[in-house]
Amino acid sequence: MYIIYHLSSAQEISPDILDAIKVAFKSKPIKITAEEELDATAYLMSNPANKAAIERSLEQLKNGEVILVNLDDL
């Protein structure tokens, strides 16, 4: 089992969160990992294929190569 908490900062870690973890896992061994969350742009740019596609799209936009799509037609 795993639980993910998305917090806007480390300052949001509270006794309530720790208590919820204790209740969920009881006396089982656990591992707690904290990592900085990437924003959407950084996440998309972290994949080389996504980065290339985004850069290609931006270049097309700069060159006026725009395709207008009506969402109702999809």
Protein backbone atom coordinates (compact mmCIF):
# COMPACT_ATOMS: atom_id res chain seq x y z
CA MET A 1 0.00 0.00 0.00
CA TYR A 2 1.14 3.55 -0.60
CA ILE A 3 -0.14 7.03 0.09
CA ILE A 4 0.94 10.19 -1.70
CA TYR A 5 0.50 13.61 -0.12
CA HIS A 6 0.94 16.62 -2.43
CA LEU A 7 1.85 19.65 -0.35
CA SER A 8 2.56 23.19 -1.52
CA SER A 9 5.47 23.39 0.93
CA ALA A 10 7.14 21.44 3.71
CA GLN A 11 5.50 23.86 6.14
CA GLU A 12 2.21 21.98 5.55
CA ILE A 13 3.51 18.82 7.22
CA SER A 14 1.39 18.55 10.32
CA PRO A 15 0.81 16.18 13.21
CA ASP A 16 -2.49 15.23 11.49
CA ILE A 17 -0.60 13.91 8.46
CA LEU A 18 1.79 11.94 10.65
CA ASP A 19 -1.13 10.54 12.65
CA ALA A 20 -2.90 9.48 9.43
CA ILE A 21 0.25 7.64 8.32
CA LYS A 22 0.46 5.87 11.68
CA VAL A 23 -3.19 4.80 11.45
CA ALA A 24 -2.85 3.61 7.85
CA PHE A 25 0.29 1.55 8.36
CA LYS A 26 -0.02 0.63 12.05
CA SER A 27 3.10 -1.33 13.09
CA LYS A 28 4.22 -2.24 9.57
CA PRO A 29 7.67 -1.15 8.40
CA ILE A 30 7.45 1.94 6.17
CA LYS A 31 9.71 4.10 4.02
CA ILE A 32 9.17 7.86 3.86
CA THR A 33 10.59 9.71 0.86
CA ALA A 34 10.33 13.45 0.27
CA GLU A 35 11.10 14.99 -3.11
CA GLU A 36 10.55 18.31 -4.74
CA GLU A 37 7.54 18.21 -7.04
CA LEU A 38 8.09 19.38 -10.61
CA ASP A 39 5.73 21.94 -12.06
CA ALA A 40 3.86 20.89 -15.22
CA THR A 41 6.33 22.54 -17.60
CA ALA A 42 9.40 21.01 -15.96
CA TYR A 43 7.69 17.62 -15.92
CA LEU A 44 6.83 17.73 -19.63
CA MET A 45 10.28 19.03 -20.57
CA SER A 46 12.01 16.25 -18.58
CA ASN A 47 11.09 13.71 -21.27
CA PRO A 48 13.26 14.15 -24.42
CA ALA A 49 10.40 13.20 -26.79
CA ASN A 50 7.99 15.64 -25.13
CA LYS A 51 10.64 18.37 -25.10
CA ALA A 52 11.29 17.93 -28.83
CA ALA A 53 7.55 18.01 -29.62
CA ILE A 54 7.01 21.14 -27.54
CA GLU A 55 9.99 22.91 -29.10
CA ARG A 56 8.78 21.92 -32.59
CA SER A 57 5.30 23.26 -31.80
CA LEU A 58 6.71 26.54 -30.49
CA GLU A 59 8.80 26.95 -33.64
CA GLN A 60 5.74 26.29 -35.80
CA LEU A 61 3.82 28.91 -33.81
CA LYS A 62 6.61 31.46 -34.33
CA ASN A 63 6.48 30.73 -38.08
CA GLY A 64 2.72 31.21 -38.22
CA GLU A 65 2.09 27.53 -38.90
CA VAL A 66 -1.04 27.31 -36.78
CA ILE A 67 -3.83 24.79 -37.15
CA LEU A 68 -7.09 25.93 -35.61
CA VAL A 69 -9.23 23.13 -34.19
CA ASN A 70 -12.78 23.39 -32.97
CA LEU A 71 -13.08 21.18 -29.88
CA ASP A 72 -16.66 20.31 -30.84
CA ASP A 73 -15.30 18.66 -34.00
CA LEU A 74 -13.10 16.23 -32.08
